[in-house]
Amino acid sequence: MKVLITGGRGGLGRAFAQALGDAEITALDLPDFDVGDSSVWRALEGSYDAAFLNAGVVTGESEIAALTDEQYVRALRANIDGVVYGVRELAARLMPDGGAIVATASLAGLTATPIDPIYALTKHAVVGFVRSCAPQLAARGIRINALCPGFTDTPIVPDEHRSAIDVPLMQPSFVAEAALQALNDPETGGAWVVQPNRVVQFRFPNLPGPR
């Protein structure tokens, strides 16, 4: 099995690669591969059976009035553009025989996250994108699901926030097991919640209809 992993050298990306055993891994990461640059995606060659679109960053800024342009754009490029460009290229030419994609979102994509509103914005976008493009990808034989882990023991959790976290930090290996579960799920367009000792599909409530 040929597998593409963005953010492949970070805590979760490395754990995903380890969980895949003897799969043929292409790990993409900075500085060689900027997921927010559409030209590097267009230059990528080969074919893949599976992909983990995992690259992501936090802004580290809770105060929206203090947010810099650079913090904002960096988060959009890594967290949203990296997923959109990746899915586009996989659907158009890198998964010619179909396959499965897991996009790393976050619990911040399902709930309010006051410690980093822009991170929450980007992860909500990932969940909405996955749910919305799943039907057209299914027509190409590609399944896509979002992974929504809680706090995990990786460098993306700033040291200054760790003392305020009131749940145990999950190990990357546990999140990687959940990612493989999402990858192999026969359904598509789902959001997998990963909490300590718990992996479940999030059930979205129905919207109120017209009166």
N, C-alpha and C. Protein backbone atom coordinates (compact mmCIF):
# COMPACT_ATOMS: atom_id res chain seq x y z
N MET A 1 0.84 -1.19 0.00
CA MET A 1 0.00 0.00 0.00
C MET A 1 0.88 1.25 0.00
N LYS A 2 0.58 2.19 -0.87
CA LYS A 2 1.30 3.44 -0.96
C LYS A 2 0.51 4.53 -0.22
N VAL A 3 1.19 5.20 0.70
CA VAL A 3 0.50 6.15 1.57
C VAL A 3 1.23 7.48 1.59
N LEU A 4 0.47 8.56 1.45
CA LEU A 4 1.00 9.91 1.55
C LEU A 4 0.62 10.49 2.90
N ILE A 5 1.57 11.13 3.57
CA ILE A 5 1.31 11.76 4.87
C ILE A 5 1.90 13.16 4.86
N THR A 6 1.05 14.19 5.02
CA THR A 6 1.58 15.54 5.21
C THR A 6 1.77 15.79 6.70
N GLY A 7 2.70 16.68 6.99
CA GLY A 7 3.10 16.81 8.40
C GLY A 7 3.71 15.50 8.87
N GLY A 8 4.37 14.83 7.95
CA GLY A 8 4.80 13.45 8.19
C GLY A 8 5.95 13.29 9.14
N ARG A 9 6.61 14.38 9.50
CA ARG A 9 7.74 14.27 10.43
C ARG A 9 7.37 14.73 11.83
N GLY A 10 6.14 15.23 12.01
CA GLY A 10 5.70 15.69 13.32
C GLY A 10 5.19 14.56 14.18
N GLY A 11 4.68 14.92 15.36
CA GLY A 11 4.26 13.91 16.32
C GLY A 11 3.21 12.96 15.80
N LEU A 12 2.09 13.50 15.28
CA LEU A 12 1.04 12.61 14.76
C LEU A 12 1.44 11.97 13.45
N GLY A 13 2.04 12.74 12.56
CA GLY A 13 2.44 12.17 11.26
C GLY A 13 3.40 11.01 11.41
N ARG A 14 4.35 11.15 12.31
CA ARG A 14 5.30 10.07 12.56
C ARG A 14 4.59 8.86 13.15
N ALA A 15 3.63 9.10 14.05
CA ALA A 15 2.87 7.99 14.64
C ALA A 15 2.02 7.28 13.59
N PHE A 16 1.44 8.04 12.67
CA PHE A 16 0.66 7.41 11.59
C PHE A 16 1.55 6.48 10.78
N ALA A 17 2.74 6.97 10.43
CA ALA A 17 3.66 6.15 9.63
C ALA A 17 4.04 4.88 10.36
N GLN A 18 4.31 4.98 11.65
CA GLN A 18 4.68 3.81 12.43
C GLN A 18 3.53 2.81 12.51
N ALA A 19 2.30 3.31 12.61
CA ALA A 19 1.14 2.42 12.72
C ALA A 19 0.85 1.69 11.42
N LEU A 20 1.37 2.20 10.32
CA LEU A 20 1.09 1.60 9.01
C LEU A 20 2.00 0.42 8.69
N GLY A 21 2.94 0.14 9.56
CA GLY A 21 3.78 -1.04 9.40
C GLY A 21 4.64 -0.99 8.15
N ASP A 22 4.45 -1.96 7.24
CA ASP A 22 5.32 -2.06 6.08
C ASP A 22 4.78 -1.35 4.85
N ALA A 23 3.84 -0.42 5.04
CA ALA A 23 3.34 0.37 3.91
C ALA A 23 4.47 1.23 3.34
N GLU A 24 4.34 1.57 2.07
CA GLU A 24 5.31 2.45 1.42
C GLU A 24 4.88 3.90 1.69
N ILE A 25 5.66 4.60 2.52
CA ILE A 25 5.25 5.91 3.02
C ILE A 25 5.96 7.02 2.26
N THR A 26 5.20 8.02 1.85
CA THR A 26 5.77 9.29 1.38
C THR A 26 5.40 10.34 2.42
N ALA A 27 6.40 10.76 3.20
CA ALA A 27 6.18 11.74 4.27
C ALA A 27 6.58 13.12 3.76
N LEU A 28 5.62 14.03 3.72
CA LEU A 28 5.85 15.39 3.21
C LEU A 28 5.79 16.38 4.36
N ASP A 29 6.78 17.28 4.41
CA ASP A 29 6.82 18.23 5.51
C ASP A 29 7.72 19.40 5.13
N LEU A 30 7.59 20.48 5.90
CA LEU A 30 8.50 21.61 5.74
C LEU A 30 9.92 21.19 6.07
N PRO A 31 10.94 21.80 5.48
CA PRO A 31 10.88 22.93 4.56
C PRO A 31 10.71 22.51 3.09
N ASP A 32 10.80 21.22 2.80
CA ASP A 32 10.77 20.79 1.41
C ASP A 32 9.38 20.91 0.79
N PHE A 33 8.35 20.72 1.58
CA PHE A 33 6.99 20.66 1.04
C PHE A 33 6.08 21.55 1.86
N ASP A 34 5.67 22.66 1.28
CA ASP A 34 4.76 23.61 1.92
C ASP A 34 3.35 23.29 1.44
N VAL A 35 2.53 22.71 2.31
CA VAL A 35 1.20 22.26 1.89
C VAL A 35 0.31 23.41 1.43
N GLY A 36 0.64 24.63 1.84
CA GLY A 36 -0.15 25.78 1.45
C GLY A 36 0.22 26.36 0.10
N ASP A 37 1.15 25.73 -0.60
CA ASP A 37 1.62 26.19 -1.91
C ASP A 37 1.05 25.25 -2.97
N SER A 38 0.13 25.73 -3.77
CA SER A 38 -0.51 24.86 -4.76
C SER A 38 0.47 24.32 -5.79
N SER A 39 1.55 25.06 -6.06
CA SER A 39 2.50 24.61 -7.08
C SER A 39 3.25 23.36 -6.67
N VAL A 40 3.54 23.21 -5.37
CA VAL A 40 4.26 22.00 -4.95
C VAL A 40 3.33 20.79 -5.01
N TRP A 41 2.04 21.00 -4.80
CA TRP A 41 1.08 19.90 -4.97
C TRP A 41 0.99 19.49 -6.44
N ARG A 42 0.98 20.48 -7.33
CA ARG A 42 0.89 20.15 -8.76
C ARG A 42 2.14 19.42 -9.25
N ALA A 43 3.26 19.68 -8.60
CA ALA A 43 4.51 19.03 -8.99
C ALA A 43 4.65 17.62 -8.43
N LEU A 44 3.80 17.26 -7.46
CA LEU A 44 3.89 15.94 -6.83
C LEU A 44 3.47 14.87 -7.82
N GLU A 45 4.25 13.80 -7.87
CA GLU A 45 3.98 12.71 -8.81
C GLU A 45 3.74 11.41 -8.06
N GLY A 46 3.26 10.42 -8.80
CA GLY A 46 3.02 9.10 -8.24
C GLY A 46 1.54 8.84 -8.07
N SER A 47 1.24 7.68 -7.50
CA SER A 47 -0.14 7.33 -7.19
C SER A 47 -0.19 6.74 -5.78
N TYR A 48 -1.33 6.92 -5.12
CA TYR A 48 -1.45 6.54 -3.72
C TYR A 48 -2.75 5.81 -3.47
N ASP A 49 -2.68 4.90 -2.51
CA ASP A 49 -3.87 4.17 -2.07
C ASP A 49 -4.53 4.85 -0.89
N ALA A 50 -3.75 5.59 -0.12
CA ALA A 50 -4.26 6.24 1.08
C ALA A 50 -3.49 7.52 1.32
N ALA A 51 -4.13 8.45 2.02
CA ALA A 51 -3.46 9.71 2.35
C ALA A 51 -3.96 10.24 3.69
N PHE A 52 -3.03 10.75 4.46
CA PHE A 52 -3.34 11.44 5.71
C PHE A 52 -2.94 12.90 5.52
N LEU A 53 -3.92 13.77 5.39
CA LEU A 53 -3.67 15.21 5.26
C LEU A 53 -3.65 15.78 6.67
N ASN A 54 -2.46 15.81 7.21
CA ASN A 54 -2.28 15.95 8.65
C ASN A 54 -1.56 17.23 9.06
N ALA A 55 -0.91 17.93 8.13
CA ALA A 55 -0.15 19.12 8.49
C ALA A 55 -1.06 20.17 9.12
N GLY A 56 -0.59 20.81 10.17
CA GLY A 56 -1.40 21.83 10.82
C GLY A 56 -0.59 22.62 11.83
N VAL A 57 -1.08 23.84 12.12
CA VAL A 57 -0.42 24.71 13.08
C VAL A 57 -1.48 25.41 13.93
N VAL A 58 -1.06 25.89 15.08
CA VAL A 58 -1.89 26.78 15.90
C VAL A 58 -1.36 28.20 15.72
N THR A 59 -2.18 29.20 16.08
CA THR A 59 -1.67 30.57 16.06
C THR A 59 -1.01 30.93 17.37
N GLY A 60 -1.45 30.29 18.48
CA GLY A 60 -0.94 30.66 19.79
C GLY A 60 -1.52 31.97 20.30
N GLU A 61 -2.57 32.47 19.63
CA GLU A 61 -3.15 33.75 20.01
C GLU A 61 -4.62 33.60 20.36
N SER A 62 -4.95 33.91 21.60
CA SER A 62 -6.35 33.84 22.03
C SER A 62 -7.09 35.15 21.81
N GLU A 63 -6.38 36.26 21.82
CA GLU A 63 -7.01 37.57 21.68
C GLU A 63 -7.11 37.95 20.21
N ILE A 64 -8.34 38.00 19.68
CA ILE A 64 -8.50 38.28 18.26
C ILE A 64 -8.01 39.68 17.91
N ALA A 65 -8.09 40.61 18.85
CA ALA A 65 -7.61 41.97 18.59
C ALA A 65 -6.09 42.03 18.43
N ALA A 66 -5.39 41.03 18.93
CA ALA A 66 -3.93 41.00 18.84
C ALA A 66 -3.43 40.13 17.70
N LEU A 67 -4.34 39.47 16.99
CA LEU A 67 -3.95 38.55 15.91
C LEU A 67 -3.23 39.32 14.80
N THR A 68 -2.08 38.79 14.37
CA THR A 68 -1.35 39.41 13.27
C THR A 68 -1.77 38.80 11.94
N ASP A 69 -1.54 39.53 10.86
CA ASP A 69 -1.81 39.00 9.53
C ASP A 69 -1.01 37.72 9.30
N GLU A 70 0.22 37.73 9.76
CA GLU A 70 1.10 36.57 9.53
C GLU A 70 0.56 35.32 10.23
N GLN A 71 0.10 35.47 11.48
CA GLN A 71 -0.47 34.33 12.21
C GLN A 71 -1.70 33.80 11.48
N TYR A 72 -2.55 34.70 11.04
CA TYR A 72 -3.79 34.31 10.38
C TYR A 72 -3.51 33.57 9.07
N VAL A 73 -2.69 34.15 8.22
CA VAL A 73 -2.42 33.55 6.91
C VAL A 73 -1.69 32.22 7.05
N ARG A 74 -0.76 32.13 8.01
CA ARG A 74 -0.03 30.87 8.21
C ARG A 74 -0.99 29.75 8.58
N ALA A 75 -1.96 30.05 9.46
CA ALA A 75 -2.93 29.02 9.86
C ALA A 75 -3.83 28.61 8.70
N LEU A 76 -4.27 29.58 7.92
CA LEU A 76 -5.12 29.24 6.76
C LEU A 76 -4.37 28.37 5.76
N ARG A 77 -3.12 28.73 5.49
CA ARG A 77 -2.34 27.97 4.49
C ARG A 77 -2.12 26.53 4.94
N ALA A 78 -1.71 26.36 6.18
CA ALA A 78 -1.40 25.00 6.65
C ALA A 78 -2.66 24.18 6.88
N ASN A 79 -3.65 24.76 7.53
CA ASN A 79 -4.78 23.98 8.02
C ASN A 79 -5.91 23.82 7.01
N ILE A 80 -6.11 24.82 6.15
CA ILE A 80 -7.19 24.73 5.16
C ILE A 80 -6.64 24.47 3.77
N ASP A 81 -5.73 25.35 3.28
CA ASP A 81 -5.21 25.17 1.93
C ASP A 81 -4.55 23.81 1.76
N GLY A 82 -3.83 23.37 2.78
CA GLY A 82 -3.14 22.08 2.68
C GLY A 82 -4.09 20.92 2.49
N VAL A 83 -5.29 21.02 3.08
CA VAL A 83 -6.29 19.97 2.90
C VAL A 83 -6.97 20.10 1.54
N VAL A 84 -7.36 21.31 1.17
CA VAL A 84 -8.07 21.51 -0.09
C VAL A 84 -7.18 21.15 -1.28
N TYR A 85 -5.96 21.67 -1.29
CA TYR A 85 -5.06 21.34 -2.40
C TYR A 85 -4.76 19.85 -2.45
N GLY A 86 -4.58 19.25 -1.27
CA GLY A 86 -4.29 17.83 -1.24
C GLY A 86 -5.43 17.00 -1.78
N VAL A 87 -6.64 17.29 -1.34
CA VAL A 87 -7.80 16.55 -1.83
C VAL A 87 -7.98 16.77 -3.33
N ARG A 88 -7.79 18.00 -3.78
CA ARG A 88 -7.94 18.27 -5.22
C ARG A 88 -6.98 17.44 -6.06
N GLU A 89 -5.71 17.41 -5.67
CA GLU A 89 -4.74 16.67 -6.48
C GLU A 89 -4.93 15.16 -6.36
N LEU A 90 -5.31 14.69 -5.18
CA LEU A 90 -5.58 13.26 -5.02
C LEU A 90 -6.76 12.85 -5.90
N ALA A 91 -7.82 13.66 -5.89
CA ALA A 91 -9.00 13.33 -6.69
C ALA A 91 -8.73 13.43 -8.17
N ALA A 92 -7.95 14.43 -8.57
CA ALA A 92 -7.73 14.69 -9.99
C ALA A 92 -6.76 13.70 -10.63
N ARG A 93 -5.70 13.29 -9.86
CA ARG A 93 -4.69 12.49 -10.56
C ARG A 93 -3.85 11.57 -9.67
N LEU A 94 -3.81 11.79 -8.36
CA LEU A 94 -2.92 11.00 -7.52
C LEU A 94 -3.56 9.75 -6.94
N MET A 95 -4.89 9.61 -7.08
CA MET A 95 -5.60 8.40 -6.66
C MET A 95 -6.43 7.87 -7.84
N PRO A 96 -5.77 7.49 -8.92
CA PRO A 96 -6.51 7.08 -10.12
C PRO A 96 -7.36 5.83 -9.92
N ASP A 97 -6.98 5.00 -8.95
CA ASP A 97 -7.71 3.75 -8.72
C ASP A 97 -8.57 3.83 -7.46
N GLY A 98 -8.82 5.04 -6.97
CA GLY A 98 -9.58 5.19 -5.74
C GLY A 98 -8.69 5.03 -4.52
N GLY A 99 -9.28 5.18 -3.35
CA GLY A 99 -8.51 5.06 -2.12
C GLY A 99 -9.24 5.67 -0.95
N ALA A 100 -8.49 6.06 0.06
CA ALA A 100 -9.08 6.62 1.27
C ALA A 100 -8.22 7.76 1.78
N ILE A 101 -8.89 8.81 2.26
CA ILE A 101 -8.22 9.99 2.79
C ILE A 101 -8.71 10.25 4.21
N VAL A 102 -7.77 10.56 5.09
CA VAL A 102 -8.11 11.04 6.43
C VAL A 102 -7.53 12.44 6.58
N ALA A 103 -8.39 13.42 6.85
CA ALA A 103 -7.95 14.79 7.08
C ALA A 103 -7.97 15.04 8.58
N THR A 104 -6.84 15.46 9.13
CA THR A 104 -6.77 15.73 10.55
C THR A 104 -7.43 17.06 10.85
N ALA A 105 -8.57 17.00 11.54
CA ALA A 105 -9.22 18.21 12.05
C ALA A 105 -8.86 18.29 13.52
N SER A 106 -9.83 18.36 14.40
CA SER A 106 -9.59 18.49 15.84
C SER A 106 -10.93 18.55 16.54
N LEU A 107 -10.93 18.31 17.85
CA LEU A 107 -12.14 18.64 18.61
C LEU A 107 -12.48 20.12 18.45
N ALA A 108 -11.47 20.93 18.16
CA ALA A 108 -11.70 22.36 17.92
C ALA A 108 -12.53 22.60 16.68
N GLY A 109 -12.69 21.58 15.85
CA GLY A 109 -13.56 21.68 14.69
C GLY A 109 -15.00 21.34 14.98
N LEU A 110 -15.28 20.98 16.24
CA LEU A 110 -16.64 20.59 16.62
C LEU A 110 -17.16 21.39 17.80
N THR A 111 -16.30 22.20 18.41
CA THR A 111 -16.72 22.93 19.60
C THR A 111 -15.99 24.27 19.67
N ALA A 112 -16.46 25.15 20.53
CA ALA A 112 -15.79 26.43 20.71
C ALA A 112 -14.42 26.23 21.34
N THR A 113 -13.44 27.02 20.88
CA THR A 113 -12.07 26.91 21.38
C THR A 113 -11.52 28.31 21.64
N PRO A 114 -11.88 28.90 22.78
CA PRO A 114 -11.48 30.28 23.06
C PRO A 114 -9.97 30.51 23.11
N ILE A 115 -9.18 29.48 23.40
CA ILE A 115 -7.74 29.69 23.50
C ILE A 115 -7.10 29.94 22.14
N ASP A 116 -7.81 29.62 21.04
CA ASP A 116 -7.27 29.88 19.70
C ASP A 116 -8.42 29.88 18.70
N PRO A 117 -9.15 31.01 18.59
CA PRO A 117 -10.31 31.04 17.71
C PRO A 117 -9.99 30.78 16.24
N ILE A 118 -8.82 31.19 15.78
CA ILE A 118 -8.49 30.97 14.37
C ILE A 118 -8.22 29.49 14.11
N TYR A 119 -7.57 28.83 15.05
CA TYR A 119 -7.40 27.38 14.92
C TYR A 119 -8.76 26.71 14.83
N ALA A 120 -9.71 27.12 15.68
CA ALA A 120 -11.06 26.57 15.63
C ALA A 120 -11.71 26.83 14.29
N LEU A 121 -11.55 28.05 13.77
CA LEU A 121 -12.10 28.38 12.45
C LEU A 121 -11.61 27.41 11.39
N THR A 122 -10.30 27.19 11.37
CA THR A 122 -9.73 26.33 10.32
C THR A 122 -10.19 24.88 10.46
N LYS A 123 -10.31 24.41 11.68
CA LYS A 123 -10.69 23.01 11.87
C LYS A 123 -12.19 22.79 11.63
N HIS A 124 -13.02 23.80 11.94
CA HIS A 124 -14.42 23.72 11.52
C HIS A 124 -14.50 23.65 10.00
N ALA A 125 -13.64 24.40 9.33
CA ALA A 125 -13.62 24.39 7.87
C ALA A 125 -13.27 23.01 7.33
N VAL A 126 -12.31 22.35 7.96
CA VAL A 126 -11.91 21.01 7.50
C VAL A 126 -13.08 20.04 7.63
N VAL A 127 -13.78 20.07 8.77
CA VAL A 127 -14.91 19.16 8.97
C VAL A 127 -15.99 19.44 7.92
N GLY A 128 -16.31 20.71 7.70
CA GLY A 128 -17.33 21.04 6.71
C GLY A 128 -16.94 20.66 5.31
N PHE A 129 -15.67 20.84 4.97
CA PHE A 129 -15.18 20.46 3.65
C PHE A 129 -15.25 18.95 3.43
N VAL A 130 -14.82 18.19 4.42
CA VAL A 130 -14.86 16.74 4.32
C VAL A 130 -16.29 16.26 4.11
N ARG A 131 -17.22 16.75 4.89
CA ARG A 131 -18.61 16.32 4.77
C ARG A 131 -19.19 16.70 3.41
N SER A 132 -18.77 17.86 2.89
CA SER A 132 -19.38 18.39 1.68
C SER A 132 -18.82 17.77 0.40
N CYS A 133 -17.54 17.39 0.41
CA CYS A 133 -16.98 16.82 -0.81
C CYS A 133 -17.02 15.30 -0.84
N ALA A 134 -17.45 14.67 0.27
CA ALA A 134 -17.48 13.21 0.33
C ALA A 134 -18.30 12.58 -0.80
N PRO A 135 -19.49 13.08 -1.13
CA PRO A 135 -20.28 12.42 -2.18
C PRO A 135 -19.59 12.42 -3.55
N GLN A 136 -18.98 13.54 -3.94
CA GLN A 136 -18.34 13.55 -5.25
C GLN A 136 -17.07 12.70 -5.28
N LEU A 137 -16.37 12.63 -4.14
CA LEU A 137 -15.20 11.75 -4.07
C LEU A 137 -15.63 10.29 -4.13
N ALA A 138 -16.75 9.97 -3.51
CA ALA A 138 -17.24 8.59 -3.54
C ALA A 138 -17.49 8.13 -4.98
N ALA A 139 -17.93 9.06 -5.82
CA ALA A 139 -18.16 8.72 -7.23
C ALA A 139 -16.86 8.36 -7.93
N ARG A 140 -15.73 8.78 -7.37
CA ARG A 140 -14.41 8.45 -7.92
C ARG A 140 -13.77 7.26 -7.19
N GLY A 141 -14.51 6.66 -6.27
CA GLY A 141 -13.99 5.53 -5.51
C GLY A 141 -13.09 5.94 -4.37
N ILE A 142 -13.24 7.18 -3.89
CA ILE A 142 -12.40 7.69 -2.81
C ILE A 142 -13.27 7.99 -1.59
N ARG A 143 -12.89 7.42 -0.45
CA ARG A 143 -13.56 7.73 0.82
C ARG A 143 -12.74 8.79 1.55
N ILE A 144 -13.42 9.67 2.28
CA ILE A 144 -12.74 10.71 3.05
C ILE A 144 -13.44 10.88 4.39
N ASN A 145 -12.65 10.96 5.45
CA ASN A 145 -13.17 11.17 6.79
C ASN A 145 -12.27 12.16 7.53
N ALA A 146 -12.86 12.84 8.50
CA ALA A 146 -12.11 13.78 9.33
C ALA A 146 -11.79 13.14 10.67
N LEU A 147 -10.58 13.38 11.13
CA LEU A 147 -10.14 12.90 12.44
C LEU A 147 -10.15 14.09 13.39
N CYS A 148 -10.84 13.93 14.53
CA CYS A 148 -11.02 15.05 15.46
C CYS A 148 -10.49 14.69 16.84
N PRO A 149 -9.17 14.68 17.00
CA PRO A 149 -8.61 14.30 18.31
C PRO A 149 -8.65 15.45 19.30
N GLY A 150 -8.75 15.08 20.57
CA GLY A 150 -8.58 16.05 21.64
C GLY A 150 -7.10 16.30 21.88
N PHE A 151 -6.78 16.80 23.06
CA PHE A 151 -5.40 17.18 23.36
C PHE A 151 -4.49 15.96 23.33
N THR A 152 -3.45 16.09 22.53
CA THR A 152 -2.49 15.00 22.33
C THR A 152 -1.09 15.48 22.67
N ASP A 153 -0.28 14.60 23.15
CA ASP A 153 1.07 14.96 23.59
C ASP A 153 1.99 15.13 22.39
N THR A 154 1.82 16.27 21.71
CA THR A 154 2.67 16.64 20.58
C THR A 154 3.07 18.10 20.74
N PRO A 155 4.05 18.56 19.97
CA PRO A 155 4.50 19.96 20.10
C PRO A 155 3.43 20.99 19.75
N ILE A 156 2.33 20.60 19.10
CA ILE A 156 1.31 21.58 18.73
C ILE A 156 0.56 22.10 19.97
N VAL A 157 0.65 21.38 21.08
CA VAL A 157 0.05 21.85 22.34
C VAL A 157 1.10 22.70 23.07
N PRO A 158 0.91 24.02 23.11
CA PRO A 158 1.92 24.89 23.72
C PRO A 158 2.13 24.57 25.21
N ASP A 159 3.35 24.73 25.66
CA ASP A 159 3.67 24.46 27.06
C ASP A 159 2.82 25.29 28.01
N GLU A 160 2.54 26.55 27.61
CA GLU A 160 1.80 27.43 28.51
C GLU A 160 0.34 27.02 28.67
N HIS A 161 -0.17 26.17 27.79
CA HIS A 161 -1.55 25.72 27.90
C HIS A 161 -1.69 24.38 28.61
N ARG A 162 -0.60 23.67 28.77
CA ARG A 162 -0.70 22.31 29.30
C ARG A 162 -1.19 22.27 30.73
N SER A 163 -0.84 23.25 31.54
CA SER A 163 -1.26 23.24 32.94
C SER A 163 -2.76 23.47 33.08
N ALA A 164 -3.37 24.06 32.05
CA ALA A 164 -4.81 24.35 32.11
C ALA A 164 -5.66 23.22 31.56
N ILE A 165 -5.04 22.20 31.00
CA ILE A 165 -5.78 21.09 30.41
C ILE A 165 -6.18 20.11 31.51
N ASP A 166 -7.48 19.85 31.63
CA ASP A 166 -7.97 19.04 32.75
C ASP A 166 -8.25 17.59 32.37
N VAL A 167 -7.75 17.16 31.21
CA VAL A 167 -7.86 15.75 30.82
C VAL A 167 -6.47 15.24 30.48
N PRO A 168 -6.25 13.92 30.57
CA PRO A 168 -4.93 13.40 30.22
C PRO A 168 -4.61 13.64 28.75
N LEU A 169 -3.37 14.00 28.48
CA LEU A 169 -2.94 14.11 27.08
C LEU A 169 -2.84 12.71 26.48
N MET A 170 -3.42 12.55 25.31
CA MET A 170 -3.35 11.26 24.63
C MET A 170 -1.98 11.06 24.00
N GLN A 171 -1.57 9.82 23.87
CA GLN A 171 -0.35 9.49 23.17
C GLN A 171 -0.60 9.48 21.66
N PRO A 172 0.35 9.95 20.86
CA PRO A 172 0.17 9.92 19.41
C PRO A 172 -0.16 8.54 18.86
N SER A 173 0.36 7.50 19.49
CA SER A 173 0.10 6.14 19.02
C SER A 173 -1.38 5.78 19.12
N PHE A 174 -2.06 6.28 20.17
CA PHE A 174 -3.49 6.02 20.32
C PHE A 174 -4.28 6.74 19.23
N VAL A 175 -3.91 7.99 18.94
CA VAL A 175 -4.58 8.74 17.89
C VAL A 175 -4.32 8.08 16.53
N ALA A 176 -3.13 7.52 16.36
CA ALA A 176 -2.81 6.84 15.11
C ALA A 176 -3.69 5.61 14.91
N GLU A 177 -3.97 4.88 15.97
CA GLU A 177 -4.88 3.73 15.86
C GLU A 177 -6.27 4.20 15.42
N ALA A 178 -6.72 5.32 15.97
CA ALA A 178 -8.01 5.87 15.57
C ALA A 178 -7.99 6.32 14.11
N ALA A 179 -6.86 6.87 13.68
CA ALA A 179 -6.74 7.31 12.29
C ALA A 179 -6.86 6.13 11.33
N LEU A 180 -6.28 5.00 11.69
CA LEU A 180 -6.40 3.82 10.84
C LEU A 180 -7.83 3.31 10.83
N GLN A 181 -8.52 3.44 11.95
CA GLN A 181 -9.93 3.05 12.00
C GLN A 181 -10.75 3.92 11.05
N ALA A 182 -10.48 5.22 11.05
CA ALA A 182 -11.18 6.13 10.14
C ALA A 182 -10.81 5.82 8.68
N LEU A 183 -9.54 5.51 8.45
CA LEU A 183 -9.09 5.21 7.09
C LEU A 183 -9.80 3.99 6.53
N ASN A 184 -10.00 2.99 7.35
CA ASN A 184 -10.57 1.72 6.90
C ASN A 184 -12.08 1.64 7.01
N ASP A 185 -12.70 2.71 7.53
CA ASP A 185 -14.15 2.69 7.67
C ASP A 185 -14.82 2.67 6.29
N PRO A 186 -15.81 1.80 6.08
CA PRO A 186 -16.46 1.73 4.77
C PRO A 186 -17.32 2.94 4.46
N GLU A 187 -17.68 3.72 5.48
CA GLU A 187 -18.48 4.91 5.25
C GLU A 187 -17.57 6.09 4.90
N THR A 188 -18.18 7.17 4.47
CA THR A 188 -17.41 8.35 4.07
C THR A 188 -18.10 9.60 4.57
N GLY A 189 -17.31 10.69 4.72
CA GLY A 189 -17.87 11.96 5.15
C GLY A 189 -18.10 12.07 6.63
N GLY A 190 -17.45 11.23 7.42
CA GLY A 190 -17.65 11.24 8.86
C GLY A 190 -16.61 12.06 9.60
N ALA A 191 -16.88 12.31 10.87
CA ALA A 191 -15.94 12.99 11.75
C ALA A 191 -15.72 12.10 12.97
N TRP A 192 -14.50 11.63 13.13
CA TRP A 192 -14.17 10.70 14.20
C TRP A 192 -13.61 11.45 15.40
N VAL A 193 -14.33 11.39 16.51
CA VAL A 193 -13.88 12.01 17.76
C VAL A 193 -12.94 11.06 18.48
N VAL A 194 -11.79 11.59 18.87
CA VAL A 194 -10.79 10.79 19.59
C VAL A 194 -10.53 11.47 20.93
N GLN A 195 -10.95 10.79 21.99
CA GLN A 195 -10.74 11.25 23.35
C GLN A 195 -10.02 10.13 24.11
N PRO A 196 -9.45 10.42 25.29
CA PRO A 196 -8.76 9.37 26.03
C PRO A 196 -9.63 8.12 26.19
N ASN A 197 -9.14 7.01 25.68
CA ASN A 197 -9.80 5.71 25.78
C ASN A 197 -11.15 5.65 25.06
N ARG A 198 -11.34 6.54 24.09
CA ARG A 198 -12.63 6.55 23.41
C ARG A 198 -12.47 7.05 21.97
N VAL A 199 -13.02 6.28 21.01
CA VAL A 199 -13.04 6.67 19.60
C VAL A 199 -14.45 6.43 19.08
N VAL A 200 -15.13 7.50 18.68
CA VAL A 200 -16.51 7.38 18.21
C VAL A 200 -16.74 8.33 17.04
N GLN A 201 -17.70 7.98 16.18
CA GLN A 201 -18.11 8.90 15.14
C GLN A 201 -19.04 9.95 15.73
N PHE A 202 -18.78 11.20 15.39
CA PHE A 202 -19.65 12.28 15.85
C PHE A 202 -20.96 12.23 15.09
N ARG A 203 -22.06 12.36 15.82
CA ARG A 203 -23.38 12.35 15.19
C ARG A 203 -23.90 13.78 15.11
N PHE A 204 -23.94 14.30 13.92
CA PHE A 204 -24.38 15.67 13.73
C PHE A 204 -25.90 15.75 13.85
N PRO A 205 -26.39 16.71 14.61
CA PRO A 205 -27.86 16.84 14.73
C PRO A 205 -28.46 17.34 13.43
N ASN A 206 -29.72 16.99 13.20
CA ASN A 206 -30.42 17.49 12.02
C ASN A 206 -30.72 18.98 12.18
N LEU A 207 -30.67 19.70 11.07
CA LEU A 207 -31.03 21.11 11.11
C LEU A 207 -32.54 21.28 11.25
N PRO A 208 -32.96 22.32 11.94
CA PRO A 208 -34.40 22.58 11.99
C PRO A 208 -34.94 22.88 10.59
N GLY A 209 -36.05 22.30 10.28
CA GLY A 209 -36.68 22.56 8.99
C GLY A 209 -37.56 23.80 9.01
N PRO A 210 -38.17 24.13 7.88
CA PRO A 210 -39.06 25.31 7.85
C PRO A 210 -40.31 25.06 8.70
N ARG A 211 -40.85 26.12 9.21
CA ARG A 211 -42.07 26.01 10.05
C ARG A 211 -43.30 26.01 9.15
